[in-house]
């Protein structure tokens, strides 16, 4: 009896999730075809139901003004919802809005918070921005070792601009600082692993 109830529950959850995934995929297909209004129609109901991936994409559409009027305050709202659920790219995007003062006041402390969360989840772009903030001392005490560490991780994780940036940072560092930064980078593990 218990096995039958568990099986029914699993099947119910599966069949409830399939339509949501189909709606999300329909939004992706529309987005890839540059039909942004349709993408918004598909993603918004999912975002309103709490789907972090849909929330991120709705935020992106508002940020870029695709299918909707460009609205950074609305983008910030949707990125924040996805970021709060641990969506790393939304954390990076939200940090960028705070860093640039888009959709609200410029806030380096909030930018740092969200870049750090995204970086610790392995988002290469968040790692690059966090490294730059450390190197420049924006919102955090200047720390070339931490800057180099995060930019190195970004290079490893696929940010195409990071290798050149890492080389630039290295020019202002001692060999001991670079060695320490490389050691820290080699010891780093993404959050939850």
Foldseek 3Di string as FASTA:
>chain_A
DVVVVVVVVVVVVVVVVVVLVVLQVQLVVCVVVLVNLSNCVSLVVVLVVQDLVSLQVNLVCLCVVRSHRNANLSSLVSLVSSVVVQPLVSLQVNLVCLCVVGSHGNDQLSSLVSLVSSLLQQALSSLQVNLVCLCVVGNHRNDLLSSLLSLVSSVVSDDPCSVVVSVVSVVPDDPVSPVSSVVVNVPRDRPPD
